[in-house]
Amino acid sequence: MSVQSLGYVGIRAKSLDDWGDYGTKLLGLQRVDKSASSLAFRMDDRKQRIIVDQDGGAGVGFFGWEVADAAALEALAGKLEAAGVKVARGARALADERRVKDLIVLADPLGNRVEIFHGAETAADPFRPGRSISGFRTGVLGMGHVVLSVENADAVMPFYRDLLGFRLSDYYHKPFSAYFMHVNPCHHSLAFIQSGKNAVHHMMMELFSFDDVGQGYDIAQSQEDRVAVTLGRHTSDYLTSFYSWTPSEFMVEYGWGGRLIEPETWQPYERSEGPSMWGHDRGWLPPLQREAAQRKTRELAASGYRAPVQVMEGNYGLMPGTCPWWDSVKAQAVG
């Protein structure tokens, strides 16, 4: 009866036109028009993954977390109610609007609207990206992950861990405190950055091809103030990514090569490497924290920190020949 993945996200916006351009021309999503004041985007065989409402606001209006079936949804609703959480059964009209069989609606301790559902509708016609990309990595992993800025992580983590079934992957405290949680083989589907305020920090979507990310980075760099975090690679999920500002005042992480973990045997631990092994200059950080993050990546580089690249069949080619340096690295690892 635990949550299985991030299924959809609802976004508040001042302009559908801004989101129409950003979603299709940079992110490569497929636009689905809904009404004069809302639109949706596809990123795979689901009828919709992102819903944008032009309500004059900003940020994320709701998060849709998926469970296996009707029995799991009912069991989770009962568990939440027994814990004193106010749970509303979603009306048929709302389920139809979300393109799911059934859902419940509640609020997390921060006041974020949480929708838990089962039975998402799939489309008969294939996904048609808004620009030429290979596609998004979704399936059992969900549509990606979300990261929330929070005043105090201890005030919200028990809700997601004890009631919704998230498990801690790892955490760190420098240059800022962050906690990463998983519900499937993705390293994290949810994370919290302790920043002193409550807000949506970013959501992540992963591409099949590294070139999709690089070409998206070119597009973002061509637009004034679009890049929020430069291209870099994380120490947590090994994702190579950049971040761009959305028209709704939060960021989208656009990446490739995320690692998988074994949820049943994974043991949480504190990471000392910081958030990124290279790159990822965070323009949104205060100057002192930004310098601390840059200093950490320089230290990792000086120490020779490396991590294996995560690839899938058909997404790489082995080079012929020998490399004495790499042979020595492998020999040291074995020794």
Foldseek 3Di string as FASTA:
>chain_A
DFFQAFAAWEWEFQDPVQVVCCCFVQVFWAWACDDPFKIFTDFWQFPGHYIYGNPNAFATQETETEDEDPVVQVVLVVLCVVVVWDKAWDDPVVCVVQQADTWIWGAFLVRHIYIYGYGTDGDPDTTGTSDDAPGWDDPSHHQFAWEKEDQDPVRGVCCCCVRNNWDWQEWEPPPHTKTATPNFFFSHRYMYTNDNDTGTAETEIEGQAQVSQVVSLVVQVVDPQFWQWWFFAFPRQRWTWTWTAGSRGHIYTYTYQGGTDDVVPRDYYYDPLPTTLDGGQGPPDDPVRSVRRHVSNVVSVVVVPDDDGHHDPPHDDDDDDDDVVVVVVVVVVVD
